[in-house]
Amino acid sequence: MAELQVEGDELVLHLSRTEKLESVHGDLRAPLSAVRSVEVLDDAHEPADHGFKVGGRLPGVFEVAVVRTSGERLFAAVHHDTPRGVRIDFDGTDYDAWIVGCADPEAIKGRIEER
């Protein structure tokens, strides 16, 4: 399962081997200074349900993909066992936002915002 970590001055999204294969992508990194906002999502699947996707997707079960929608480029890593998650919006990175399912999105949000 994807895991968000703060490493030095970067936010890192570590993907499992399976997620890397599903999304045809490696781990993602972004400077903490590029984080514009962090939002807790009760349904992290919903933002990934729209637009053109490159990667793995079974609606409502998992999305591990690059999503292009409404002029945005998102990266989503959400699974059925982590339907809640966070949306992290960025300025000046390859992605406008990451959507990541996690067991405790409030804790993740707090960890990112305190940095």
N, C-alpha and C. Protein backbone atom coordinates (compact mmCIF):
# COMPACT_ATOMS: atom_id res chain seq x y z
N MET A 1 0.84 -1.17 0.00
CA MET A 1 0.00 0.00 0.00
C MET A 1 0.89 1.24 0.00
N ALA A 2 0.46 2.28 -0.71
CA ALA A 2 1.20 3.53 -0.80
C ALA A 2 1.35 4.15 0.59
N GLU A 3 2.51 4.77 0.82
CA GLU A 3 2.77 5.37 2.12
C GLU A 3 3.40 6.74 1.94
N LEU A 4 2.79 7.75 2.56
CA LEU A 4 3.33 9.10 2.53
C LEU A 4 4.30 9.28 3.69
N GLN A 5 5.46 9.88 3.40
CA GLN A 5 6.44 10.15 4.44
C GLN A 5 7.08 11.50 4.19
N VAL A 6 7.40 12.18 5.28
CA VAL A 6 8.18 13.41 5.19
C VAL A 6 9.63 13.00 5.40
N GLU A 7 10.46 13.29 4.39
CA GLU A 7 11.88 12.94 4.44
C GLU A 7 12.68 14.21 4.19
N GLY A 8 13.23 14.76 5.27
CA GLY A 8 13.96 16.02 5.14
C GLY A 8 13.01 17.12 4.72
N ASP A 9 13.32 17.77 3.59
CA ASP A 9 12.47 18.85 3.10
C ASP A 9 11.58 18.39 1.94
N GLU A 10 11.36 17.06 1.85
CA GLU A 10 10.52 16.51 0.78
C GLU A 10 9.37 15.69 1.33
N LEU A 11 8.29 15.67 0.56
CA LEU A 11 7.19 14.75 0.79
C LEU A 11 7.37 13.62 -0.21
N VAL A 12 7.37 12.38 0.28
CA VAL A 12 7.63 11.23 -0.58
C VAL A 12 6.44 10.28 -0.51
N LEU A 13 5.99 9.85 -1.68
CA LEU A 13 4.94 8.84 -1.78
C LEU A 13 5.61 7.55 -2.23
N HIS A 14 5.78 6.64 -1.26
CA HIS A 14 6.39 5.34 -1.56
C HIS A 14 5.29 4.39 -2.04
N LEU A 15 5.51 3.80 -3.20
CA LEU A 15 4.56 2.84 -3.77
C LEU A 15 5.09 1.43 -3.57
N SER A 16 4.17 0.49 -3.38
CA SER A 16 4.56 -0.92 -3.30
C SER A 16 4.98 -1.38 -4.70
N ARG A 17 5.61 -2.53 -4.76
CA ARG A 17 6.02 -3.08 -6.06
C ARG A 17 4.81 -3.25 -6.98
N THR A 18 3.71 -3.75 -6.44
CA THR A 18 2.49 -3.94 -7.23
C THR A 18 1.96 -2.61 -7.74
N GLU A 19 1.95 -1.59 -6.87
CA GLU A 19 1.46 -0.27 -7.28
C GLU A 19 2.35 0.33 -8.36
N LYS A 20 3.65 0.08 -8.28
CA LYS A 20 4.55 0.57 -9.33
C LYS A 20 4.23 -0.08 -10.66
N LEU A 21 3.91 -1.36 -10.64
CA LEU A 21 3.53 -2.06 -11.87
C LEU A 21 2.18 -1.57 -12.39
N GLU A 22 1.21 -1.43 -11.48
CA GLU A 22 -0.13 -1.00 -11.88
C GLU A 22 -0.11 0.40 -12.50
N SER A 23 0.68 1.28 -11.92
CA SER A 23 0.67 2.67 -12.37
C SER A 23 1.75 2.98 -13.40
N VAL A 24 2.64 2.01 -13.65
CA VAL A 24 3.78 2.22 -14.53
C VAL A 24 4.52 3.49 -14.07
N HIS A 25 4.80 3.52 -12.77
CA HIS A 25 5.38 4.71 -12.16
C HIS A 25 6.23 4.30 -10.97
N GLY A 26 7.18 5.12 -10.62
CA GLY A 26 7.98 4.88 -9.42
C GLY A 26 7.48 5.74 -8.27
N ASP A 27 8.23 5.76 -7.18
CA ASP A 27 7.89 6.62 -6.05
C ASP A 27 7.86 8.07 -6.51
N LEU A 28 7.05 8.88 -5.85
CA LEU A 28 6.93 10.29 -6.18
C LEU A 28 7.56 11.13 -5.06
N ARG A 29 8.14 12.26 -5.45
CA ARG A 29 8.76 13.18 -4.50
C ARG A 29 8.36 14.60 -4.87
N ALA A 30 8.15 15.41 -3.84
CA ALA A 30 7.85 16.82 -4.05
C ALA A 30 8.42 17.61 -2.87
N PRO A 31 8.93 18.81 -3.13
CA PRO A 31 9.42 19.62 -2.02
C PRO A 31 8.26 20.04 -1.11
N LEU A 32 8.48 20.02 0.19
CA LEU A 32 7.43 20.46 1.12
C LEU A 32 7.03 21.91 0.84
N SER A 33 7.96 22.70 0.34
CA SER A 33 7.65 24.10 0.04
C SER A 33 6.64 24.24 -1.10
N ALA A 34 6.43 23.17 -1.88
CA ALA A 34 5.47 23.21 -2.98
C ALA A 34 4.06 22.83 -2.54
N VAL A 35 3.89 22.33 -1.31
CA VAL A 35 2.56 21.93 -0.82
C VAL A 35 1.73 23.18 -0.61
N ARG A 36 0.61 23.26 -1.32
CA ARG A 36 -0.30 24.41 -1.21
C ARG A 36 -1.38 24.16 -0.17
N SER A 37 -1.90 22.90 -0.13
CA SER A 37 -2.94 22.57 0.84
C SER A 37 -3.03 21.06 0.99
N VAL A 38 -3.59 20.64 2.14
CA VAL A 38 -3.84 19.23 2.41
C VAL A 38 -5.28 19.13 2.89
N GLU A 39 -6.06 18.29 2.23
CA GLU A 39 -7.48 18.13 2.56
C GLU A 39 -7.77 16.67 2.89
N VAL A 40 -8.51 16.43 3.97
CA VAL A 40 -8.95 15.08 4.32
C VAL A 40 -10.17 14.75 3.46
N LEU A 41 -10.15 13.57 2.83
CA LEU A 41 -11.26 13.11 1.98
C LEU A 41 -11.94 11.91 2.62
N ASP A 42 -13.26 11.98 2.76
CA ASP A 42 -14.00 10.82 3.25
C ASP A 42 -14.13 9.76 2.17
N ASP A 43 -14.12 10.18 0.89
CA ASP A 43 -14.17 9.25 -0.24
C ASP A 43 -13.03 9.59 -1.19
N ALA A 44 -11.89 8.97 -0.98
CA ALA A 44 -10.72 9.26 -1.81
C ALA A 44 -10.84 8.67 -3.21
N HIS A 45 -11.77 7.73 -3.41
CA HIS A 45 -11.97 7.17 -4.75
C HIS A 45 -12.59 8.20 -5.69
N GLU A 46 -13.47 9.05 -5.18
CA GLU A 46 -14.25 9.95 -6.02
C GLU A 46 -13.40 10.85 -6.92
N PRO A 47 -12.37 11.53 -6.42
CA PRO A 47 -11.59 12.40 -7.31
C PRO A 47 -10.90 11.65 -8.44
N ALA A 48 -10.61 10.38 -8.24
CA ALA A 48 -9.93 9.58 -9.27
C ALA A 48 -10.91 8.94 -10.25
N ASP A 49 -12.20 9.11 -10.02
CA ASP A 49 -13.21 8.49 -10.88
C ASP A 49 -13.50 9.28 -12.14
N HIS A 50 -12.90 10.43 -12.32
CA HIS A 50 -13.20 11.30 -13.46
C HIS A 50 -11.96 11.51 -14.31
N GLY A 51 -12.15 11.61 -15.61
CA GLY A 51 -11.05 11.94 -16.49
C GLY A 51 -10.36 10.73 -17.10
N PHE A 52 -9.27 11.03 -17.80
CA PHE A 52 -8.47 10.02 -18.50
C PHE A 52 -7.43 9.47 -17.54
N LYS A 53 -7.33 8.14 -17.47
CA LYS A 53 -6.41 7.50 -16.53
C LYS A 53 -5.37 6.65 -17.24
N VAL A 54 -4.17 6.70 -16.73
CA VAL A 54 -3.10 5.82 -17.18
C VAL A 54 -2.62 5.08 -15.94
N GLY A 55 -2.92 3.79 -15.90
CA GLY A 55 -2.55 2.99 -14.75
C GLY A 55 -3.65 1.98 -14.45
N GLY A 56 -3.64 1.44 -13.24
CA GLY A 56 -4.62 0.44 -12.85
C GLY A 56 -5.84 1.06 -12.20
N ARG A 57 -7.02 0.51 -12.53
CA ARG A 57 -8.24 1.03 -11.94
C ARG A 57 -9.35 -0.01 -12.02
N LEU A 58 -10.00 -0.24 -10.92
CA LEU A 58 -11.24 -1.01 -10.83
C LEU A 58 -12.15 -0.16 -9.97
N PRO A 59 -13.15 0.52 -10.56
CA PRO A 59 -13.95 1.52 -9.84
C PRO A 59 -14.43 1.04 -8.47
N GLY A 60 -14.17 1.88 -7.46
CA GLY A 60 -14.58 1.58 -6.10
C GLY A 60 -13.71 0.56 -5.39
N VAL A 61 -12.78 -0.06 -6.11
CA VAL A 61 -11.91 -1.07 -5.51
C VAL A 61 -10.48 -0.53 -5.39
N PHE A 62 -9.91 -0.06 -6.50
CA PHE A 62 -8.59 0.56 -6.44
C PHE A 62 -8.38 1.47 -7.63
N GLU A 63 -7.59 2.50 -7.39
CA GLU A 63 -7.09 3.39 -8.42
C GLU A 63 -5.63 3.65 -8.09
N VAL A 64 -4.76 3.27 -8.98
CA VAL A 64 -3.34 3.61 -8.86
C VAL A 64 -2.96 4.07 -10.26
N ALA A 65 -3.07 5.39 -10.46
CA ALA A 65 -2.96 5.89 -11.83
C ALA A 65 -2.68 7.38 -11.87
N VAL A 66 -2.20 7.81 -13.02
CA VAL A 66 -2.14 9.23 -13.35
C VAL A 66 -3.51 9.56 -13.92
N VAL A 67 -4.12 10.63 -13.44
CA VAL A 67 -5.46 11.02 -13.86
C VAL A 67 -5.39 12.44 -14.42
N ARG A 68 -5.91 12.61 -15.62
CA ARG A 68 -6.00 13.96 -16.21
C ARG A 68 -7.48 14.33 -16.27
N THR A 69 -7.82 15.40 -15.55
CA THR A 69 -9.21 15.81 -15.47
C THR A 69 -9.31 17.32 -15.26
N SER A 70 -10.23 17.96 -15.94
CA SER A 70 -10.50 19.40 -15.75
C SER A 70 -9.23 20.25 -15.72
N GLY A 71 -8.31 19.96 -16.62
CA GLY A 71 -7.08 20.73 -16.69
C GLY A 71 -6.07 20.41 -15.60
N GLU A 72 -6.32 19.39 -14.81
CA GLU A 72 -5.41 19.00 -13.74
C GLU A 72 -4.74 17.67 -14.07
N ARG A 73 -3.56 17.51 -13.53
CA ARG A 73 -2.86 16.23 -13.60
C ARG A 73 -2.69 15.74 -12.17
N LEU A 74 -3.34 14.63 -11.85
CA LEU A 74 -3.34 14.07 -10.51
C LEU A 74 -2.63 12.72 -10.51
N PHE A 75 -2.13 12.33 -9.34
CA PHE A 75 -1.69 10.96 -9.16
C PHE A 75 -2.53 10.40 -8.03
N ALA A 76 -3.18 9.24 -8.28
CA ALA A 76 -4.05 8.62 -7.29
C ALA A 76 -3.52 7.26 -6.87
N ALA A 77 -3.56 7.00 -5.57
CA ALA A 77 -3.21 5.69 -5.02
C ALA A 77 -4.21 5.41 -3.90
N VAL A 78 -5.32 4.76 -4.27
CA VAL A 78 -6.43 4.52 -3.33
C VAL A 78 -6.86 3.07 -3.47
N HIS A 79 -7.12 2.41 -2.33
CA HIS A 79 -7.53 1.00 -2.33
C HIS A 79 -8.81 0.83 -1.54
N HIS A 80 -9.48 -0.31 -1.74
CA HIS A 80 -10.75 -0.56 -1.06
C HIS A 80 -10.62 -0.57 0.45
N ASP A 81 -9.46 -0.96 0.96
CA ASP A 81 -9.29 -1.02 2.42
C ASP A 81 -8.85 0.32 3.02
N THR A 82 -8.62 1.33 2.15
CA THR A 82 -8.32 2.69 2.62
C THR A 82 -9.13 3.69 1.79
N PRO A 83 -10.46 3.64 1.92
CA PRO A 83 -11.30 4.53 1.10
C PRO A 83 -11.20 6.00 1.49
N ARG A 84 -10.80 6.28 2.75
CA ARG A 84 -10.57 7.66 3.16
C ARG A 84 -9.13 8.00 2.79
N GLY A 85 -8.85 9.29 2.71
CA GLY A 85 -7.48 9.66 2.37
C GLY A 85 -7.26 11.15 2.40
N VAL A 86 -6.22 11.57 1.70
CA VAL A 86 -5.87 12.99 1.62
C VAL A 86 -5.70 13.40 0.17
N ARG A 87 -5.98 14.67 -0.07
CA ARG A 87 -5.66 15.31 -1.34
C ARG A 87 -4.62 16.37 -1.01
N ILE A 88 -3.47 16.26 -1.64
CA ILE A 88 -2.39 17.22 -1.42
C ILE A 88 -2.23 18.01 -2.70
N ASP A 89 -2.48 19.31 -2.64
CA ASP A 89 -2.34 20.19 -3.80
C ASP A 89 -0.97 20.83 -3.79
N PHE A 90 -0.38 20.93 -4.99
CA PHE A 90 0.97 21.45 -5.15
C PHE A 90 1.02 22.64 -6.09
N ASP A 91 2.04 23.45 -5.93
CA ASP A 91 2.40 24.51 -6.87
C ASP A 91 3.76 24.18 -7.45
N GLY A 92 3.87 24.21 -8.78
CA GLY A 92 5.18 24.09 -9.41
C GLY A 92 5.79 22.71 -9.43
N THR A 93 4.97 21.65 -9.40
CA THR A 93 5.50 20.28 -9.50
C THR A 93 4.89 19.60 -10.72
N ASP A 94 5.31 18.37 -10.98
CA ASP A 94 4.79 17.63 -12.13
C ASP A 94 3.31 17.32 -12.01
N TYR A 95 2.80 17.26 -10.77
CA TYR A 95 1.39 16.96 -10.53
C TYR A 95 0.73 18.12 -9.82
N ASP A 96 -0.53 18.39 -10.17
CA ASP A 96 -1.30 19.41 -9.47
C ASP A 96 -1.69 18.91 -8.08
N ALA A 97 -1.90 17.57 -7.96
CA ALA A 97 -2.29 17.00 -6.67
C ALA A 97 -1.99 15.52 -6.63
N TRP A 98 -1.83 15.01 -5.41
CA TRP A 98 -1.80 13.57 -5.15
C TRP A 98 -3.04 13.25 -4.34
N ILE A 99 -3.71 12.15 -4.69
CA ILE A 99 -4.83 11.62 -3.92
C ILE A 99 -4.34 10.29 -3.35
N VAL A 100 -4.27 10.19 -2.02
CA VAL A 100 -3.69 9.00 -1.40
C VAL A 100 -4.63 8.47 -0.33
N GLY A 101 -5.03 7.21 -0.47
CA GLY A 101 -5.84 6.56 0.56
C GLY A 101 -4.96 6.21 1.74
N CYS A 102 -5.49 6.40 2.94
CA CYS A 102 -4.71 6.07 4.14
C CYS A 102 -5.65 5.80 5.31
N ALA A 103 -5.15 5.04 6.28
CA ALA A 103 -5.95 4.64 7.43
C ALA A 103 -6.27 5.81 8.35
N ASP A 104 -5.36 6.76 8.48
CA ASP A 104 -5.56 7.89 9.39
C ASP A 104 -5.21 9.19 8.67
N PRO A 105 -6.10 9.67 7.80
CA PRO A 105 -5.78 10.87 7.01
C PRO A 105 -5.56 12.12 7.86
N GLU A 106 -6.22 12.21 9.01
CA GLU A 106 -6.03 13.38 9.87
C GLU A 106 -4.59 13.44 10.39
N ALA A 107 -4.03 12.29 10.75
CA ALA A 107 -2.64 12.25 11.23
C ALA A 107 -1.67 12.62 10.11
N ILE A 108 -1.93 12.12 8.91
CA ILE A 108 -1.07 12.45 7.76
C ILE A 108 -1.12 13.95 7.49
N LYS A 109 -2.33 14.52 7.49
CA LYS A 109 -2.48 15.95 7.27
C LYS A 109 -1.70 16.73 8.32
N GLY A 110 -1.83 16.37 9.57
CA GLY A 110 -1.12 17.04 10.64
C GLY A 110 0.39 16.97 10.50
N ARG A 111 0.89 15.79 10.12
CA ARG A 111 2.33 15.60 9.95
C ARG A 111 2.88 16.50 8.84
N ILE A 112 2.13 16.60 7.74
CA ILE A 112 2.58 17.44 6.62
C ILE A 112 2.51 18.92 7.00
N GLU A 113 1.41 19.33 7.62
CA GLU A 113 1.22 20.74 7.92
C GLU A 113 2.17 21.25 9.00
N GLU A 114 2.61 20.38 9.92
CA GLU A 114 3.53 20.85 10.96
C GLU A 114 4.92 21.10 10.41
N ARG A 115 5.23 20.58 9.23
CA ARG A 115 6.54 20.79 8.60
C ARG A 115 6.51 22.06 7.81
